[in-house]
Amino acid sequence: MGIYCNPQNVGDLKQAFFRLASENGQIIKVRGITDMKGFLEKFDTSRTEKYYGVCVVSNAGFDAAGIAYPRDEELARWNVPDNRPQFFYVCSRAWLVQQDPSLEELLP
């Protein structure tokens, strides 16, 4: 099921980490899939750096930070009803790799 971002030294609770990064202006918090797609399409045409959508889902005891790659496939999977708390972000490739160096080889 896609690629995950596991920031170093964050542990299982990633929700607060991503929220704080968005409050500090490092990443962009969006309202949902439609907003995420809009930001990503705009960035594709206006920026040279690569950007990805990230969905952080709270599960019992841990959070999963999934990356929308391949984009259309993952966004379609995420666009279904889900009763778990979900938060959506737009992040640069550089920021994601800085948080989780293993992504250097996984993300184009």
Protein backbone atom coordinates (compact mmCIF):
# COMPACT_ATOMS: atom_id res chain seq x y z
CA MET A 1 0.00 0.00 0.00
CA GLY A 2 2.19 2.87 -1.17
CA ILE A 3 5.19 4.51 0.46
CA TYR A 4 5.32 5.74 4.05
CA CYS A 5 7.26 8.57 5.66
CA ASN A 6 8.78 7.58 9.00
CA PRO A 7 10.48 10.71 10.35
CA GLN A 8 13.56 10.00 12.41
CA ASN A 9 13.19 10.25 16.19
CA VAL A 10 9.41 10.79 16.03
CA GLY A 11 8.15 7.37 17.07
CA ASP A 12 4.65 6.10 16.44
CA LEU A 13 2.72 9.35 16.91
CA LYS A 14 3.33 11.35 13.72
CA GLN A 15 0.18 13.49 13.81
CA ALA A 16 1.67 16.13 16.13
CA PHE A 17 4.94 16.18 14.16
CA PHE A 18 3.20 16.97 10.86
CA ARG A 19 0.82 19.46 12.52
CA LEU A 20 3.74 21.34 14.07
CA ALA A 21 5.63 21.37 10.75
CA SER A 22 2.56 22.90 9.06
CA GLU A 23 2.20 25.51 11.82
CA ASN A 24 5.88 26.42 11.34
CA GLY A 25 5.35 26.88 7.60
CA GLN A 26 7.53 23.93 6.57
CA ILE A 27 4.66 22.08 4.89
CA ILE A 28 1.09 22.94 3.85
CA LYS A 29 -1.96 21.49 5.60
CA VAL A 30 -4.90 21.08 3.22
CA ARG A 31 -8.58 20.29 3.87
CA GLY A 32 -8.79 17.08 1.88
CA ILE A 33 -8.14 15.24 -1.37
CA THR A 34 -9.63 17.93 -3.63
CA ASP A 35 -7.49 20.69 -2.10
CA MET A 36 -4.44 18.44 -2.18
CA LYS A 37 -4.91 17.74 -5.89
CA GLY A 38 -5.31 21.46 -6.59
CA PHE A 39 -2.10 22.38 -4.77
CA LEU A 40 -0.13 19.57 -6.40
CA GLU A 41 -1.34 20.43 -9.92
CA LYS A 42 -0.50 24.10 -9.36
CA PHE A 43 2.95 23.25 -7.99
CA ASP A 44 3.62 20.87 -10.92
CA THR A 45 3.30 23.79 -13.32
CA SER A 46 4.84 26.58 -11.25
CA ARG A 47 7.74 25.04 -9.29
CA THR A 48 10.80 23.07 -10.24
CA GLU A 49 10.93 21.16 -6.97
CA LYS A 50 8.78 18.01 -6.69
CA TYR A 51 5.88 18.01 -4.21
CA TYR A 52 3.88 15.09 -2.79
CA GLY A 53 0.61 14.67 -0.97
CA VAL A 54 0.78 13.03 2.46
CA CYS A 55 -2.10 11.58 4.46
CA VAL A 56 -1.49 11.03 8.17
CA VAL A 57 -3.99 8.53 9.58
CA SER A 58 -4.41 7.87 13.28
CA ASN A 59 -4.75 4.22 14.14
CA ALA A 60 -5.06 2.76 17.63
CA GLY A 61 -1.63 3.39 19.14
CA PHE A 62 0.23 4.68 16.07
CA ASP A 63 -0.06 7.06 13.14
CA ALA A 64 0.77 6.21 9.52
CA ALA A 65 2.05 8.91 7.14
CA GLY A 66 1.35 7.66 3.61
CA ILE A 67 2.76 9.43 0.55
CA ALA A 68 0.63 9.80 -2.57
CA TYR A 69 2.95 7.98 -4.97
CA PRO A 70 1.99 6.99 -7.54
CA ARG A 71 -0.23 10.05 -7.15
CA ASP A 72 -3.42 9.11 -8.98
CA GLU A 73 -3.49 5.59 -7.55
CA GLU A 74 -3.02 6.67 -3.95
CA LEU A 75 -5.40 9.65 -4.14
CA ALA A 76 -8.10 7.31 -5.47
CA ARG A 77 -7.48 4.94 -2.53
CA TRP A 78 -7.64 7.78 -0.04
CA ASN A 79 -10.85 9.22 -1.47
CA VAL A 80 -13.13 6.73 0.28
CA PRO A 81 -15.03 7.06 3.55
CA ASP A 82 -12.84 6.25 6.55
CA ASN A 83 -13.81 6.78 10.18
CA ARG A 84 -10.21 7.16 11.39
CA PRO A 85 -8.84 10.68 11.99
CA GLN A 86 -7.06 11.79 8.80
CA PHE A 87 -5.03 14.90 8.05
CA PHE A 88 -3.72 15.90 4.64
CA TYR A 89 -0.52 17.78 3.78
CA VAL A 90 1.49 18.89 0.77
CA CYS A 91 5.24 18.46 1.28
CA SER A 92 8.30 19.02 -0.85
CA ARG A 93 10.41 16.00 -1.75
CA ALA A 94 13.40 17.66 -0.06
CA TRP A 95 11.49 18.06 3.23
CA LEU A 96 10.29 14.45 3.16
CA VAL A 97 13.81 13.11 2.48
CA GLN A 98 15.21 15.31 5.26
CA GLN A 99 12.72 13.72 7.69
CA ASP A 100 13.16 10.15 6.39
CA PRO A 101 16.41 9.62 4.41
CA SER A 102 15.24 6.21 3.14
CA LEU A 103 12.87 8.11 0.83
CA GLU A 104 15.81 9.36 -1.25
CA GLU A 105 15.82 6.08 -3.17
CA LEU A 106 12.04 5.58 -3.21
CA LEU A 107 10.72 8.91 -4.49
CA PRO A 108 11.54 10.16 -7.99
